[in-house]
Amino acid sequence: MNLKIAARMTAVLALGAAMTAAFMVLRGDGSQDASSPRSTHPGGEPAKVELARCRDLGMAAIADEACRRIWAESRKRFLNPPRSAAPHAPPSIEKDQSRLLPLQPSNAPGTKTVSP
């Protein structure tokens, strides 16, 4: 085998391995333990921790009363917007007359228009 071809193949394999390693680091390999969310967000929202616990339970979470309660709270918070937000003002009925075209007499259907 030619030495140039072997060197190119080695370089391509090394580049592929480096790109794969970089991708794995950026994506995360999922080897974090269960206490990881608590340590990254100390004193954070307890609902997120509980929702993560229910997610990790899988199908068994359906029978878990705490999971059903937290899902109901999450749906309520998501679907019901806060009441503190001011409602939108109704649109103004008045129109800006300066932007309207002048009225043209319309012809009734069936009548001919006579051009001067």
N, C-alpha and C. Protein backbone atom coordinates (compact mmCIF):
# COMPACT_ATOMS: atom_id res chain seq x y z
N MET A 1 0.84 -1.16 0.00
CA MET A 1 0.00 0.00 0.00
C MET A 1 0.89 1.24 0.00
N ASN A 2 0.44 2.24 -0.69
CA ASN A 2 1.19 3.48 -0.79
C ASN A 2 1.18 4.20 0.56
N LEU A 3 2.28 4.82 0.91
CA LEU A 3 2.42 5.51 2.20
C LEU A 3 1.50 6.73 2.28
N LYS A 4 1.27 7.42 1.15
CA LYS A 4 0.40 8.60 1.14
C LYS A 4 -1.05 8.20 1.46
N ILE A 5 -1.49 7.10 0.90
CA ILE A 5 -2.86 6.65 1.13
C ILE A 5 -3.05 6.24 2.60
N ALA A 6 -2.07 5.57 3.15
CA ALA A 6 -2.15 5.16 4.56
C ALA A 6 -2.17 6.38 5.47
N ALA A 7 -1.38 7.39 5.16
CA ALA A 7 -1.36 8.62 5.98
C ALA A 7 -2.70 9.34 5.89
N ARG A 8 -3.29 9.41 4.70
CA ARG A 8 -4.59 10.07 4.54
C ARG A 8 -5.69 9.31 5.29
N MET A 9 -5.67 7.99 5.21
CA MET A 9 -6.67 7.20 5.93
C MET A 9 -6.55 7.39 7.44
N THR A 10 -5.31 7.44 7.92
CA THR A 10 -5.09 7.66 9.35
C THR A 10 -5.59 9.03 9.76
N ALA A 11 -5.34 10.05 8.94
CA ALA A 11 -5.80 11.41 9.25
C ALA A 11 -7.32 11.49 9.26
N VAL A 12 -7.98 10.84 8.30
CA VAL A 12 -9.45 10.85 8.24
C VAL A 12 -10.03 10.14 9.46
N LEU A 13 -9.46 9.01 9.85
CA LEU A 13 -9.95 8.30 11.03
C LEU A 13 -9.75 9.12 12.31
N ALA A 14 -8.60 9.78 12.42
CA ALA A 14 -8.34 10.61 13.60
C ALA A 14 -9.31 11.79 13.64
N LEU A 15 -9.58 12.39 12.51
CA LEU A 15 -10.52 13.51 12.45
C LEU A 15 -11.92 13.04 12.82
N GLY A 16 -12.33 11.89 12.32
CA GLY A 16 -13.64 11.33 12.67
C GLY A 16 -13.76 11.04 14.16
N ALA A 17 -12.71 10.49 14.75
CA ALA A 17 -12.72 10.20 16.18
C ALA A 17 -12.79 11.49 16.99
N ALA A 18 -12.07 12.53 16.57
CA ALA A 18 -12.10 13.81 17.27
C ALA A 18 -13.48 14.46 17.18
N MET A 19 -14.10 14.37 16.00
CA MET A 19 -15.44 14.94 15.84
C MET A 19 -16.46 14.18 16.67
N THR A 20 -16.34 12.88 16.73
CA THR A 20 -17.25 12.08 17.55
C THR A 20 -17.10 12.41 19.03
N ALA A 21 -15.88 12.55 19.49
CA ALA A 21 -15.63 12.90 20.89
C ALA A 21 -16.19 14.28 21.21
N ALA A 22 -16.00 15.23 20.31
CA ALA A 22 -16.52 16.58 20.54
C ALA A 22 -18.04 16.57 20.58
N PHE A 23 -18.67 15.80 19.71
CA PHE A 23 -20.12 15.71 19.69
C PHE A 23 -20.64 15.10 20.99
N MET A 24 -19.99 14.06 21.48
CA MET A 24 -20.41 13.43 22.72
C MET A 24 -20.29 14.37 23.91
N VAL A 25 -19.25 15.19 23.93
CA VAL A 25 -19.07 16.14 25.03
C VAL A 25 -20.15 17.22 24.97
N LEU A 26 -20.42 17.73 23.80
CA LEU A 26 -21.42 18.78 23.67
C LEU A 26 -22.83 18.27 23.94
N ARG A 27 -23.13 17.07 23.51
CA ARG A 27 -24.46 16.50 23.68
C ARG A 27 -24.68 16.02 25.10
N GLY A 28 -23.67 15.56 25.74
CA GLY A 28 -23.79 14.96 27.07
C GLY A 28 -24.01 13.48 26.91
N ASP A 29 -23.33 12.70 27.72
CA ASP A 29 -23.43 11.25 27.54
C ASP A 29 -24.50 10.62 28.42
N GLY A 30 -25.22 11.42 29.21
CA GLY A 30 -26.32 10.89 30.01
C GLY A 30 -25.88 10.11 31.23
N SER A 31 -24.64 10.28 31.68
CA SER A 31 -24.17 9.54 32.84
C SER A 31 -24.37 10.32 34.13
N GLN A 32 -25.24 11.32 34.12
CA GLN A 32 -25.51 12.08 35.34
C GLN A 32 -26.39 11.24 36.26
N ASP A 33 -26.16 11.37 37.55
CA ASP A 33 -26.96 10.59 38.48
C ASP A 33 -28.29 11.30 38.77
N ALA A 34 -29.15 10.66 39.56
CA ALA A 34 -30.50 11.16 39.80
C ALA A 34 -30.49 12.47 40.59
N SER A 35 -29.45 12.73 41.38
CA SER A 35 -29.41 13.96 42.17
C SER A 35 -28.90 15.15 41.36
N SER A 36 -28.58 14.93 40.12
CA SER A 36 -28.03 15.99 39.30
C SER A 36 -28.94 17.20 39.14
N PRO A 37 -30.26 17.04 38.86
CA PRO A 37 -31.10 18.23 38.73
C PRO A 37 -31.14 19.07 39.99
N ARG A 38 -31.10 18.43 41.14
CA ARG A 38 -31.12 19.20 42.40
C ARG A 38 -29.83 19.98 42.58
N SER A 39 -28.71 19.41 42.17
CA SER A 39 -27.44 20.09 42.38
C SER A 39 -27.23 21.21 41.37
N THR A 40 -27.81 21.08 40.16
CA THR A 40 -27.64 22.16 39.19
C THR A 40 -28.59 23.31 39.47
N HIS A 41 -29.73 23.04 40.11
CA HIS A 41 -30.69 24.09 40.46
C HIS A 41 -31.02 24.00 41.95
N PRO A 42 -30.07 24.36 42.83
CA PRO A 42 -30.37 24.24 44.25
C PRO A 42 -31.48 25.21 44.63
N GLY A 43 -32.45 24.72 45.36
CA GLY A 43 -33.57 25.55 45.77
C GLY A 43 -34.48 25.91 44.62
N GLY A 44 -34.36 25.17 43.52
CA GLY A 44 -35.16 25.47 42.34
C GLY A 44 -36.59 25.02 42.50
N GLU A 45 -37.30 25.03 41.41
CA GLU A 45 -38.71 24.69 41.42
C GLU A 45 -38.88 23.20 41.74
N PRO A 46 -39.60 22.90 42.82
CA PRO A 46 -39.76 21.49 43.18
C PRO A 46 -40.60 20.73 42.17
N ALA A 47 -41.47 21.41 41.43
CA ALA A 47 -42.30 20.72 40.44
C ALA A 47 -41.43 20.09 39.36
N LYS A 48 -40.35 20.75 38.98
CA LYS A 48 -39.47 20.19 37.95
C LYS A 48 -38.81 18.91 38.44
N VAL A 49 -38.41 18.91 39.70
CA VAL A 49 -37.76 17.72 40.26
C VAL A 49 -38.77 16.58 40.32
N GLU A 50 -40.00 16.90 40.75
CA GLU A 50 -41.03 15.87 40.84
C GLU A 50 -41.43 15.35 39.47
N LEU A 51 -41.54 16.26 38.48
CA LEU A 51 -41.86 15.83 37.12
C LEU A 51 -40.76 14.95 36.55
N ALA A 52 -39.52 15.25 36.85
CA ALA A 52 -38.41 14.42 36.39
C ALA A 52 -38.47 13.04 37.04
N ARG A 53 -38.86 13.00 38.32
CA ARG A 53 -38.98 11.71 39.00
C ARG A 53 -40.08 10.87 38.35
N CYS A 54 -41.19 11.52 38.04
CA CYS A 54 -42.30 10.80 37.40
C CYS A 54 -41.91 10.32 36.00
N ARG A 55 -41.14 11.15 35.29
CA ARG A 55 -40.68 10.74 33.96
C ARG A 55 -39.80 9.50 34.07
N ASP A 56 -38.95 9.47 35.08
CA ASP A 56 -38.04 8.33 35.24
C ASP A 56 -38.77 7.06 35.68
N LEU A 57 -39.96 7.22 36.31
CA LEU A 57 -40.71 6.04 36.72
C LEU A 57 -41.29 5.29 35.53
N GLY A 58 -41.56 6.01 34.46
CA GLY A 58 -42.11 5.37 33.26
C GLY A 58 -43.59 5.08 33.44
N MET A 59 -44.02 3.89 33.03
CA MET A 59 -45.44 3.53 33.08
C MET A 59 -45.95 3.39 34.51
N ALA A 60 -45.08 3.15 35.46
CA ALA A 60 -45.50 3.02 36.86
C ALA A 60 -45.98 4.35 37.42
N ALA A 61 -45.65 5.46 36.76
CA ALA A 61 -46.06 6.77 37.24
C ALA A 61 -47.56 6.97 37.10
N ILE A 62 -48.22 6.21 36.24
CA ILE A 62 -49.67 6.34 36.07
C ILE A 62 -50.39 5.99 37.37
N ALA A 63 -49.90 5.03 38.09
CA ALA A 63 -50.52 4.60 39.34
C ALA A 63 -50.06 5.42 40.54
N ASP A 64 -49.06 6.24 40.37
CA ASP A 64 -48.52 7.03 41.48
C ASP A 64 -49.37 8.28 41.69
N GLU A 65 -49.90 8.42 42.90
CA GLU A 65 -50.78 9.57 43.22
C GLU A 65 -50.03 10.89 43.15
N ALA A 66 -48.78 10.92 43.59
CA ALA A 66 -48.01 12.17 43.54
C ALA A 66 -47.77 12.61 42.10
N CYS A 67 -47.55 11.66 41.21
CA CYS A 67 -47.34 12.01 39.80
C CYS A 67 -48.62 12.55 39.19
N ARG A 68 -49.76 11.93 39.50
CA ARG A 68 -51.02 12.45 38.96
C ARG A 68 -51.30 13.84 39.46
N ARG A 69 -50.98 14.12 40.73
CA ARG A 69 -51.20 15.45 41.30
C ARG A 69 -50.31 16.49 40.62
N ILE A 70 -49.03 16.17 40.43
CA ILE A 70 -48.10 17.13 39.84
C ILE A 70 -48.41 17.34 38.37
N TRP A 71 -48.91 16.31 37.68
CA TRP A 71 -49.31 16.48 36.28
C TRP A 71 -50.51 17.40 36.18
N ALA A 72 -51.46 17.26 37.11
CA ALA A 72 -52.65 18.13 37.11
C ALA A 72 -52.24 19.58 37.37
N GLU A 73 -51.32 19.79 38.31
CA GLU A 73 -50.84 21.15 38.58
C GLU A 73 -50.11 21.73 37.38
N SER A 74 -49.33 20.90 36.72
CA SER A 74 -48.58 21.36 35.55
C SER A 74 -49.53 21.73 34.41
N ARG A 75 -50.55 20.90 34.19
CA ARG A 75 -51.55 21.23 33.16
C ARG A 75 -52.28 22.52 33.49
N LYS A 76 -52.64 22.67 34.75
CA LYS A 76 -53.36 23.88 35.17
C LYS A 76 -52.50 25.11 34.96
N ARG A 77 -51.23 25.03 35.32
CA ARG A 77 -50.33 26.17 35.16
C ARG A 77 -50.08 26.48 33.69
N PHE A 78 -50.05 25.45 32.86
CA PHE A 78 -49.78 25.65 31.44
C PHE A 78 -51.01 26.16 30.70
N LEU A 79 -52.18 25.59 30.99
CA LEU A 79 -53.38 25.92 30.24
C LEU A 79 -54.10 27.17 30.74
N ASN A 80 -53.97 27.51 32.01
CA ASN A 80 -54.63 28.70 32.55
C ASN A 80 -53.63 29.85 32.63
N PRO A 81 -53.79 30.87 31.79
CA PRO A 81 -52.85 32.00 31.85
C PRO A 81 -53.05 32.78 33.15
N PRO A 82 -52.03 33.47 33.61
CA PRO A 82 -52.16 34.25 34.83
C PRO A 82 -53.18 35.37 34.66
N ARG A 83 -53.92 35.66 35.72
CA ARG A 83 -54.96 36.69 35.67
C ARG A 83 -54.38 38.09 35.85
N SER A 84 -53.13 38.21 36.23
CA SER A 84 -52.54 39.53 36.46
C SER A 84 -52.29 40.29 35.17
N ALA A 85 -52.26 39.59 34.06
CA ALA A 85 -52.02 40.25 32.78
C ALA A 85 -53.25 41.06 32.38
N ALA A 86 -53.04 42.29 31.94
CA ALA A 86 -54.15 43.15 31.54
C ALA A 86 -54.72 42.64 30.22
N PRO A 87 -56.05 42.64 30.10
CA PRO A 87 -56.64 42.20 28.84
C PRO A 87 -56.34 43.19 27.73
N HIS A 88 -56.39 42.72 26.53
CA HIS A 88 -56.12 43.59 25.39
C HIS A 88 -57.25 44.60 25.25
N ALA A 89 -56.90 45.80 24.83
CA ALA A 89 -57.91 46.83 24.61
C ALA A 89 -58.70 46.48 23.36
N PRO A 90 -60.02 46.74 23.39
CA PRO A 90 -60.80 46.44 22.18
C PRO A 90 -60.38 47.37 21.05
N PRO A 91 -60.45 46.88 19.83
CA PRO A 91 -60.04 47.72 18.71
C PRO A 91 -60.96 48.93 18.55
N SER A 92 -60.39 49.99 18.10
CA SER A 92 -61.17 51.21 17.90
C SER A 92 -62.11 51.03 16.72
N ILE A 93 -63.34 51.51 16.88
CA ILE A 93 -64.33 51.37 15.82
C ILE A 93 -64.17 52.46 14.77
N GLU A 94 -63.72 53.62 15.20
CA GLU A 94 -63.57 54.72 14.26
C GLU A 94 -62.44 54.44 13.30
N LYS A 95 -62.63 54.84 12.04
CA LYS A 95 -61.61 54.63 11.02
C LYS A 95 -60.98 55.96 10.68
N ASP A 96 -59.75 55.86 10.29
CA ASP A 96 -59.04 57.06 9.85
C ASP A 96 -59.54 57.41 8.46
N GLN A 97 -60.30 58.51 8.37
CA GLN A 97 -60.93 58.89 7.11
C GLN A 97 -59.93 59.34 6.07
N SER A 98 -58.75 59.77 6.48
CA SER A 98 -57.77 60.26 5.51
C SER A 98 -57.22 59.14 4.63
N ARG A 99 -57.32 57.90 5.08
CA ARG A 99 -56.77 56.79 4.31
C ARG A 99 -57.80 56.14 3.41
N LEU A 100 -59.08 56.52 3.54
CA LEU A 100 -60.12 55.89 2.74
C LEU A 100 -60.19 56.52 1.36
N LEU A 101 -60.55 55.72 0.39
CA LEU A 101 -60.73 56.22 -0.97
C LEU A 101 -62.06 56.95 -1.06
N PRO A 102 -62.15 57.96 -1.92
CA PRO A 102 -63.44 58.62 -2.07
C PRO A 102 -64.45 57.64 -2.67
N LEU A 103 -65.70 57.82 -2.28
CA LEU A 103 -66.74 56.92 -2.76
C LEU A 103 -67.01 57.15 -4.24
N GLN A 104 -67.12 56.08 -4.98
CA GLN A 104 -67.45 56.13 -6.39
C GLN A 104 -68.88 55.62 -6.53
N PRO A 105 -69.69 56.25 -7.39
CA PRO A 105 -71.04 55.71 -7.57
C PRO A 105 -70.95 54.32 -8.20
N SER A 106 -71.66 53.41 -7.62
CA SER A 106 -71.63 52.05 -8.16
C SER A 106 -72.79 51.86 -9.10
N ASN A 107 -72.57 51.05 -10.09
CA ASN A 107 -73.62 50.74 -11.06
C ASN A 107 -74.37 49.51 -10.59
N ALA A 108 -75.64 49.56 -10.74
CA ALA A 108 -76.47 48.41 -10.38
C ALA A 108 -76.22 47.31 -11.39
N PRO A 109 -76.34 46.07 -11.01
CA PRO A 109 -76.12 44.99 -11.97
C PRO A 109 -77.15 45.05 -13.09
N GLY A 110 -76.69 44.83 -14.27
CA GLY A 110 -77.56 44.84 -15.44
C GLY A 110 -77.64 46.18 -16.14
N THR A 111 -77.01 47.23 -15.61
CA THR A 111 -77.03 48.52 -16.27
C THR A 111 -75.72 48.72 -16.99
N LYS A 112 -75.78 49.42 -18.07
CA LYS A 112 -74.58 49.68 -18.86
C LYS A 112 -73.96 50.99 -18.41
N THR A 113 -72.63 51.00 -18.46
CA THR A 113 -71.94 52.26 -18.19
C THR A 113 -71.62 52.91 -19.51
N VAL A 114 -71.84 54.21 -19.55
CA VAL A 114 -71.59 54.95 -20.78
C VAL A 114 -70.30 55.72 -20.60
N SER A 115 -69.36 55.49 -21.48
CA SER A 115 -68.10 56.20 -21.40
C SER A 115 -68.21 57.50 -22.21
N PRO A 116 -67.76 58.66 -21.68
CA PRO A 116 -67.84 59.90 -22.45
C PRO A 116 -66.89 59.96 -23.60
